[in-house]
Amino acid sequence: MSAPEPSGASGWEPAGSGGLRIDKWLWYARVTKSRSLAQKLASGGSVRLNGDKISSASKAVKVGDVLTITKERQILILKVKAMATRRGSYPEACLLYEDLSPPPSPKADFRPAPGQRDAGAGRPTKRDRRRIHSFLGDD
């Protein structure tokens, strides 16, 4: 991959530039759908900056920082590679960070589709009830 372009038409800032508010960066990097959700995520204690829990969305993020983000049922570990001045497309957003997250674990809590269950689990089906009644001789 090539290095991000300087600020201008593409919306990238040079790597040596100052920091950016964490809520803006999360939104620009498309970690959240809206900036207000990014503010809630940051101020709610779900984001760690270089291992330290943050409580304010105004905390500055710089190139080289590592963010640990706890979202629903997943943990994201992102290393900041670039800053942006606008929210771009998904391929552009992927250039802002390096994903260091561990691969997802195999689904240990696999749930069968509705209507399917292990034999003997749950209520008997209509077919099972008919077999029980015929076995017991209840007519």
N, C-alpha and C. Protein backbone atom coordinates (compact mmCIF):
# COMPACT_ATOMS: atom_id res chain seq x y z
N MET A 1 0.83 -1.18 0.00
CA MET A 1 0.00 0.00 0.00
C MET A 1 0.87 1.25 0.00
N SER A 2 0.40 2.27 -0.61
CA SER A 2 1.13 3.52 -0.64
C SER A 2 0.73 4.37 0.56
N ALA A 3 1.57 5.33 0.86
CA ALA A 3 1.32 6.22 1.99
C ALA A 3 0.16 7.15 1.67
N PRO A 4 -0.60 7.57 2.69
CA PRO A 4 -1.71 8.48 2.44
C PRO A 4 -1.22 9.79 1.84
N GLU A 5 -2.05 10.37 1.01
CA GLU A 5 -1.71 11.63 0.36
C GLU A 5 -1.88 12.78 1.35
N PRO A 6 -1.19 13.90 1.12
CA PRO A 6 -1.38 15.06 1.99
C PRO A 6 -2.80 15.59 1.90
N SER A 7 -3.13 16.43 2.87
CA SER A 7 -4.47 17.01 2.94
C SER A 7 -4.80 17.74 1.64
N GLY A 8 -6.04 17.70 1.28
CA GLY A 8 -6.46 18.33 0.04
C GLY A 8 -7.67 17.60 -0.49
N ALA A 9 -7.59 17.20 -1.73
CA ALA A 9 -8.74 16.57 -2.37
C ALA A 9 -9.08 15.24 -1.72
N SER A 10 -8.08 14.49 -1.25
CA SER A 10 -8.37 13.17 -0.70
C SER A 10 -8.81 13.21 0.75
N GLY A 11 -8.50 14.27 1.49
CA GLY A 11 -8.93 14.38 2.89
C GLY A 11 -7.94 13.82 3.88
N TRP A 12 -6.72 13.47 3.45
CA TRP A 12 -5.71 12.92 4.36
C TRP A 12 -4.80 14.02 4.85
N GLU A 13 -4.33 13.85 6.08
CA GLU A 13 -3.34 14.76 6.63
C GLU A 13 -2.01 14.05 6.67
N PRO A 14 -0.90 14.75 6.60
CA PRO A 14 0.41 14.11 6.69
C PRO A 14 0.58 13.44 8.04
N ALA A 15 1.43 12.41 8.08
CA ALA A 15 1.62 11.61 9.29
C ALA A 15 2.17 12.43 10.45
N GLY A 16 2.87 13.51 10.20
CA GLY A 16 3.47 14.30 11.26
C GLY A 16 2.52 15.32 11.88
N SER A 17 1.28 15.37 11.42
CA SER A 17 0.34 16.38 11.92
C SER A 17 -0.09 16.06 13.35
N GLY A 18 -0.77 17.03 13.98
CA GLY A 18 -1.22 16.88 15.37
C GLY A 18 -2.31 15.83 15.50
N GLY A 19 -2.86 15.77 16.70
CA GLY A 19 -3.86 14.77 16.99
C GLY A 19 -5.25 15.16 16.51
N LEU A 20 -6.18 14.25 16.69
CA LEU A 20 -7.57 14.43 16.29
C LEU A 20 -8.43 13.87 17.42
N ARG A 21 -9.57 14.50 17.66
CA ARG A 21 -10.48 14.00 18.69
C ARG A 21 -10.82 12.54 18.43
N ILE A 22 -10.89 11.75 19.49
CA ILE A 22 -11.10 10.32 19.32
C ILE A 22 -12.47 10.01 18.71
N ASP A 23 -13.50 10.80 19.05
CA ASP A 23 -14.81 10.52 18.48
C ASP A 23 -14.82 10.79 16.98
N LYS A 24 -14.14 11.84 16.56
CA LYS A 24 -14.05 12.12 15.12
C LYS A 24 -13.29 11.02 14.41
N TRP A 25 -12.18 10.57 14.99
CA TRP A 25 -11.38 9.54 14.33
C TRP A 25 -12.16 8.23 14.21
N LEU A 26 -12.89 7.86 15.27
CA LEU A 26 -13.70 6.63 15.21
C LEU A 26 -14.76 6.72 14.13
N TRP A 27 -15.32 7.90 13.96
CA TRP A 27 -16.34 8.10 12.93
C TRP A 27 -15.70 8.09 11.55
N TYR A 28 -14.58 8.80 11.38
CA TYR A 28 -13.88 8.82 10.10
C TYR A 28 -13.43 7.41 9.69
N ALA A 29 -13.00 6.61 10.67
CA ALA A 29 -12.51 5.25 10.40
C ALA A 29 -13.65 4.25 10.24
N ARG A 30 -14.88 4.73 10.33
CA ARG A 30 -16.08 3.91 10.16
C ARG A 30 -16.18 2.78 11.19
N VAL A 31 -15.73 3.06 12.41
CA VAL A 31 -15.92 2.12 13.52
C VAL A 31 -17.35 2.24 14.02
N THR A 32 -17.91 3.46 13.97
CA THR A 32 -19.30 3.69 14.35
C THR A 32 -20.05 4.33 13.19
N LYS A 33 -21.38 4.24 13.24
CA LYS A 33 -22.21 4.78 12.17
C LYS A 33 -22.35 6.29 12.24
N SER A 34 -22.29 6.85 13.43
CA SER A 34 -22.45 8.30 13.57
C SER A 34 -21.46 8.82 14.61
N ARG A 35 -21.25 10.12 14.57
CA ARG A 35 -20.32 10.72 15.51
C ARG A 35 -20.89 10.69 16.92
N SER A 36 -22.20 10.83 17.06
CA SER A 36 -22.79 10.77 18.40
C SER A 36 -22.61 9.38 19.01
N LEU A 37 -22.68 8.33 18.19
CA LEU A 37 -22.41 6.98 18.71
C LEU A 37 -20.94 6.84 19.11
N ALA A 38 -20.05 7.49 18.36
CA ALA A 38 -18.64 7.47 18.71
C ALA A 38 -18.40 8.19 20.04
N GLN A 39 -19.11 9.31 20.27
CA GLN A 39 -18.99 10.02 21.55
C GLN A 39 -19.47 9.15 22.69
N LYS A 40 -20.60 8.46 22.51
CA LYS A 40 -21.11 7.58 23.56
C LYS A 40 -20.15 6.44 23.84
N LEU A 41 -19.57 5.89 22.78
CA LEU A 41 -18.62 4.78 22.93
C LEU A 41 -17.40 5.24 23.74
N ALA A 42 -16.87 6.41 23.39
CA ALA A 42 -15.67 6.93 24.07
C ALA A 42 -15.96 7.34 25.51
N SER A 43 -17.05 8.06 25.72
CA SER A 43 -17.34 8.53 27.08
C SER A 43 -17.94 7.44 27.95
N GLY A 44 -18.38 6.35 27.35
CA GLY A 44 -18.95 5.24 28.11
C GLY A 44 -17.92 4.28 28.67
N GLY A 45 -16.65 4.52 28.39
CA GLY A 45 -15.61 3.65 28.94
C GLY A 45 -15.33 2.42 28.10
N SER A 46 -15.78 2.40 26.86
CA SER A 46 -15.57 1.24 26.00
C SER A 46 -14.32 1.36 25.13
N VAL A 47 -13.57 2.44 25.30
CA VAL A 47 -12.38 2.67 24.48
C VAL A 47 -11.18 2.85 25.39
N ARG A 48 -10.09 2.17 25.05
CA ARG A 48 -8.82 2.36 25.75
C ARG A 48 -7.82 2.91 24.76
N LEU A 49 -7.06 3.91 25.20
CA LEU A 49 -6.04 4.55 24.38
C LEU A 49 -4.69 4.17 24.96
N ASN A 50 -3.93 3.38 24.22
CA ASN A 50 -2.62 2.87 24.67
C ASN A 50 -2.73 2.19 26.03
N GLY A 51 -3.81 1.43 26.23
CA GLY A 51 -4.00 0.67 27.46
C GLY A 51 -4.70 1.42 28.58
N ASP A 52 -4.87 2.73 28.46
CA ASP A 52 -5.52 3.52 29.50
C ASP A 52 -6.97 3.78 29.11
N LYS A 53 -7.87 3.51 30.05
CA LYS A 53 -9.29 3.76 29.79
C LYS A 53 -9.54 5.27 29.73
N ILE A 54 -10.29 5.69 28.72
CA ILE A 54 -10.60 7.11 28.59
C ILE A 54 -12.06 7.34 28.94
N SER A 55 -12.36 8.54 29.39
CA SER A 55 -13.74 8.85 29.77
C SER A 55 -14.27 10.08 29.04
N SER A 56 -13.48 10.59 28.09
CA SER A 56 -13.88 11.79 27.39
C SER A 56 -13.69 11.60 25.89
N ALA A 57 -14.67 12.07 25.11
CA ALA A 57 -14.59 11.95 23.67
C ALA A 57 -13.63 12.96 23.07
N SER A 58 -13.17 13.91 23.86
CA SER A 58 -12.28 14.95 23.34
C SER A 58 -10.80 14.56 23.44
N LYS A 59 -10.51 13.38 23.91
CA LYS A 59 -9.12 12.92 24.02
C LYS A 59 -8.51 12.86 22.64
N ALA A 60 -7.27 13.31 22.49
CA ALA A 60 -6.61 13.36 21.19
C ALA A 60 -5.95 12.03 20.84
N VAL A 61 -6.06 11.66 19.58
CA VAL A 61 -5.45 10.45 19.04
C VAL A 61 -4.36 10.88 18.07
N LYS A 62 -3.20 10.22 18.13
CA LYS A 62 -2.09 10.53 17.23
C LYS A 62 -1.72 9.28 16.45
N VAL A 63 -0.97 9.46 15.39
CA VAL A 63 -0.48 8.33 14.61
C VAL A 63 0.43 7.49 15.50
N GLY A 64 0.23 6.18 15.48
CA GLY A 64 1.00 5.26 16.31
C GLY A 64 0.28 4.81 17.57
N ASP A 65 -0.81 5.49 17.96
CA ASP A 65 -1.58 5.09 19.13
C ASP A 65 -2.30 3.78 18.85
N VAL A 66 -2.53 3.02 19.92
CA VAL A 66 -3.27 1.76 19.82
C VAL A 66 -4.58 1.93 20.58
N LEU A 67 -5.69 1.68 19.90
CA LEU A 67 -7.02 1.77 20.50
C LEU A 67 -7.57 0.38 20.71
N THR A 68 -8.11 0.13 21.89
CA THR A 68 -8.81 -1.11 22.19
C THR A 68 -10.27 -0.74 22.40
N ILE A 69 -11.12 -1.23 21.53
CA ILE A 69 -12.52 -0.84 21.52
C ILE A 69 -13.37 -2.07 21.81
N THR A 70 -14.23 -1.95 22.81
CA THR A 70 -15.15 -3.03 23.16
C THR A 70 -16.51 -2.70 22.58
N LYS A 71 -16.94 -3.52 21.62
CA LYS A 71 -18.26 -3.36 21.03
C LYS A 71 -19.06 -4.61 21.37
N GLU A 72 -20.28 -4.67 20.88
CA GLU A 72 -21.12 -5.82 21.17
C GLU A 72 -20.44 -7.10 20.72
N ARG A 73 -20.14 -7.97 21.65
CA ARG A 73 -19.61 -9.30 21.40
C ARG A 73 -18.29 -9.34 20.63
N GLN A 74 -17.57 -8.23 20.58
CA GLN A 74 -16.28 -8.24 19.91
C GLN A 74 -15.35 -7.19 20.51
N ILE A 75 -14.07 -7.45 20.38
CA ILE A 75 -13.06 -6.51 20.83
C ILE A 75 -12.20 -6.16 19.62
N LEU A 76 -12.09 -4.86 19.33
CA LEU A 76 -11.28 -4.38 18.22
C LEU A 76 -10.00 -3.77 18.77
N ILE A 77 -8.87 -4.15 18.20
CA ILE A 77 -7.60 -3.54 18.54
C ILE A 77 -7.07 -2.91 17.27
N LEU A 78 -7.03 -1.58 17.26
CA LEU A 78 -6.66 -0.83 16.06
C LEU A 78 -5.46 0.05 16.33
N LYS A 79 -4.48 0.00 15.43
CA LYS A 79 -3.32 0.88 15.51
C LYS A 79 -3.53 2.00 14.51
N VAL A 80 -3.46 3.24 14.98
CA VAL A 80 -3.71 4.41 14.15
C VAL A 80 -2.54 4.60 13.19
N LYS A 81 -2.84 4.59 11.88
CA LYS A 81 -1.81 4.77 10.87
C LYS A 81 -1.84 6.15 10.22
N ALA A 82 -3.01 6.79 10.22
CA ALA A 82 -3.14 8.09 9.55
C ALA A 82 -4.29 8.86 10.16
N MET A 83 -4.30 10.16 9.89
CA MET A 83 -5.39 11.04 10.29
C MET A 83 -6.16 11.43 9.03
N ALA A 84 -7.39 11.83 9.20
CA ALA A 84 -8.21 12.25 8.06
C ALA A 84 -8.88 13.57 8.41
N THR A 85 -9.34 14.28 7.37
CA THR A 85 -10.05 15.53 7.59
C THR A 85 -11.51 15.40 7.23
N ARG A 86 -11.89 14.23 6.70
CA ARG A 86 -13.28 13.99 6.35
C ARG A 86 -13.56 12.49 6.43
N ARG A 87 -14.83 12.15 6.41
CA ARG A 87 -15.22 10.75 6.41
C ARG A 87 -15.33 10.29 4.96
N GLY A 88 -14.49 9.35 4.60
CA GLY A 88 -14.47 8.86 3.22
C GLY A 88 -15.15 7.52 3.09
N SER A 89 -14.91 6.88 1.98
CA SER A 89 -15.49 5.56 1.72
C SER A 89 -14.81 4.51 2.59
N TYR A 90 -15.37 3.31 2.60
CA TYR A 90 -14.82 2.24 3.42
C TYR A 90 -13.37 1.91 3.04
N PRO A 91 -13.04 1.78 1.75
CA PRO A 91 -11.63 1.51 1.42
C PRO A 91 -10.68 2.61 1.90
N GLU A 92 -11.12 3.86 1.86
CA GLU A 92 -10.29 4.95 2.39
C GLU A 92 -10.18 4.85 3.91
N ALA A 93 -11.26 4.48 4.57
CA ALA A 93 -11.26 4.37 6.04
C ALA A 93 -10.33 3.25 6.50
N CYS A 94 -10.21 2.20 5.72
CA CYS A 94 -9.33 1.08 6.10
C CYS A 94 -7.86 1.49 6.10
N LEU A 95 -7.52 2.56 5.37
CA LEU A 95 -6.14 3.04 5.34
C LEU A 95 -5.77 3.83 6.60
N LEU A 96 -6.76 4.16 7.42
CA LEU A 96 -6.50 4.94 8.63
C LEU A 96 -5.95 4.10 9.78
N TYR A 97 -6.12 2.79 9.71
CA TYR A 97 -5.72 1.94 10.84
C TYR A 97 -5.21 0.60 10.36
N GLU A 98 -4.52 -0.06 11.29
CA GLU A 98 -4.08 -1.44 11.09
C GLU A 98 -4.84 -2.27 12.13
N ASP A 99 -5.52 -3.29 11.68
CA ASP A 99 -6.33 -4.11 12.58
C ASP A 99 -5.45 -5.17 13.24
N LEU A 100 -5.30 -5.07 14.55
CA LEU A 100 -4.51 -6.02 15.34
C LEU A 100 -5.39 -6.97 16.14
N SER A 101 -6.68 -6.98 15.85
CA SER A 101 -7.63 -7.79 16.60
C SER A 101 -7.35 -9.28 16.40
N PRO A 102 -7.52 -10.07 17.46
CA PRO A 102 -7.36 -11.52 17.29
C PRO A 102 -8.50 -12.05 16.43
N PRO A 103 -8.24 -13.14 15.71
CA PRO A 103 -9.32 -13.70 14.89
C PRO A 103 -10.47 -14.16 15.77
N PRO A 104 -11.70 -14.08 15.27
CA PRO A 104 -12.83 -14.50 16.09
C PRO A 104 -12.76 -15.98 16.42
N SER A 105 -13.17 -16.30 17.63
CA SER A 105 -13.15 -17.70 18.06
C SER A 105 -14.26 -18.46 17.35
N PRO A 106 -14.07 -19.77 17.20
CA PRO A 106 -15.15 -20.54 16.58
C PRO A 106 -16.41 -20.44 17.44
N LYS A 107 -17.52 -20.43 16.79
CA LYS A 107 -18.77 -20.20 17.50
C LYS A 107 -19.09 -21.39 18.41
N ALA A 108 -18.71 -21.23 19.68
CA ALA A 108 -18.97 -22.28 20.67
C ALA A 108 -20.43 -22.24 21.10
N ASP A 109 -21.05 -21.07 21.05
CA ASP A 109 -22.44 -20.95 21.48
C ASP A 109 -23.37 -21.01 20.26
N PHE A 110 -23.11 -21.97 19.37
CA PHE A 110 -23.93 -22.13 18.18
C PHE A 110 -25.34 -22.54 18.58
N ARG A 111 -26.31 -21.83 18.05
CA ARG A 111 -27.71 -22.15 18.31
C ARG A 111 -28.32 -22.68 17.03
N PRO A 112 -29.00 -23.82 17.11
CA PRO A 112 -29.63 -24.34 15.91
C PRO A 112 -30.74 -23.41 15.44
N ALA A 113 -31.07 -23.53 14.19
CA ALA A 113 -32.13 -22.70 13.62
C ALA A 113 -33.45 -22.98 14.32
N PRO A 114 -34.36 -22.02 14.35
CA PRO A 114 -35.65 -22.27 14.98
C PRO A 114 -36.34 -23.47 14.35
N GLY A 115 -36.92 -24.30 15.18
CA GLY A 115 -37.57 -25.50 14.68
C GLY A 115 -36.67 -26.72 14.72
N GLN A 116 -35.39 -26.52 14.96
CA GLN A 116 -34.45 -27.62 15.07
C GLN A 116 -33.88 -27.63 16.48
N ARG A 117 -33.80 -28.79 17.07
CA ARG A 117 -33.21 -28.91 18.39
C ARG A 117 -32.70 -30.32 18.58
N ASP A 118 -31.89 -30.49 19.59
CA ASP A 118 -31.36 -31.81 19.90
C ASP A 118 -32.49 -32.73 20.33
N ALA A 119 -32.33 -34.00 20.04
CA ALA A 119 -33.36 -34.98 20.41
C ALA A 119 -33.57 -34.98 21.91
N GLY A 120 -34.82 -34.91 22.34
CA GLY A 120 -35.15 -34.93 23.75
C GLY A 120 -35.08 -33.58 24.43
N ALA A 121 -34.74 -32.55 23.72
CA ALA A 121 -34.64 -31.22 24.32
C ALA A 121 -35.91 -30.43 24.04
N GLY A 122 -36.47 -29.81 25.04
CA GLY A 122 -37.64 -28.96 24.85
C GLY A 122 -38.93 -29.76 24.83
N ARG A 123 -40.00 -29.09 24.43
CA ARG A 123 -41.31 -29.72 24.34
C ARG A 123 -41.35 -30.74 23.23
N PRO A 124 -42.13 -31.80 23.41
CA PRO A 124 -42.29 -32.75 22.31
C PRO A 124 -43.11 -32.12 21.18
N THR A 125 -42.79 -32.53 19.98
CA THR A 125 -43.55 -32.05 18.84
C THR A 125 -44.86 -32.80 18.75
N LYS A 126 -45.71 -32.39 17.83
CA LYS A 126 -46.99 -33.07 17.64
C LYS A 126 -46.76 -34.53 17.26
N ARG A 127 -45.76 -34.75 16.43
CA ARG A 127 -45.44 -36.11 16.01
C ARG A 127 -44.98 -36.93 17.22
N ASP A 128 -44.14 -36.32 18.06
CA ASP A 128 -43.67 -37.02 19.27
C ASP A 128 -44.83 -37.34 20.20
N ARG A 129 -45.78 -36.41 20.36
CA ARG A 129 -46.93 -36.66 21.23
C ARG A 129 -47.78 -37.82 20.70
N ARG A 130 -47.97 -37.86 19.41
CA ARG A 130 -48.75 -38.97 18.83
C ARG A 130 -48.06 -40.31 19.08
N ARG A 131 -46.74 -40.34 18.95
CA ARG A 131 -46.01 -41.58 19.22
C ARG A 131 -46.11 -41.96 20.70
N ILE A 132 -46.04 -40.98 21.59
CA ILE A 132 -46.17 -41.25 23.02
C ILE A 132 -47.55 -41.82 23.33
N HIS A 133 -48.59 -41.17 22.75
CA HIS A 133 -49.96 -41.64 22.99
C HIS A 133 -50.16 -43.04 22.45
N SER A 134 -49.62 -43.33 21.27
CA SER A 134 -49.81 -44.68 20.70
C SER A 134 -49.01 -45.71 21.52
N PHE A 135 -47.87 -45.36 22.05
CA PHE A 135 -47.07 -46.26 22.85
C PHE A 135 -47.76 -46.56 24.17
N LEU A 136 -48.35 -45.52 24.80
CA LEU A 136 -49.02 -45.70 26.08
C LEU A 136 -50.41 -46.31 25.93
N GLY A 137 -50.92 -46.30 24.73
CA GLY A 137 -52.25 -46.85 24.51
C GLY A 137 -53.35 -45.90 24.84
N ASP A 138 -53.08 -44.61 24.92
CA ASP A 138 -54.10 -43.61 25.19
C ASP A 138 -54.78 -43.26 23.88
N ASP A 139 -56.05 -43.54 23.77
CA ASP A 139 -56.77 -43.18 22.54
C ASP A 139 -57.88 -42.24 22.81
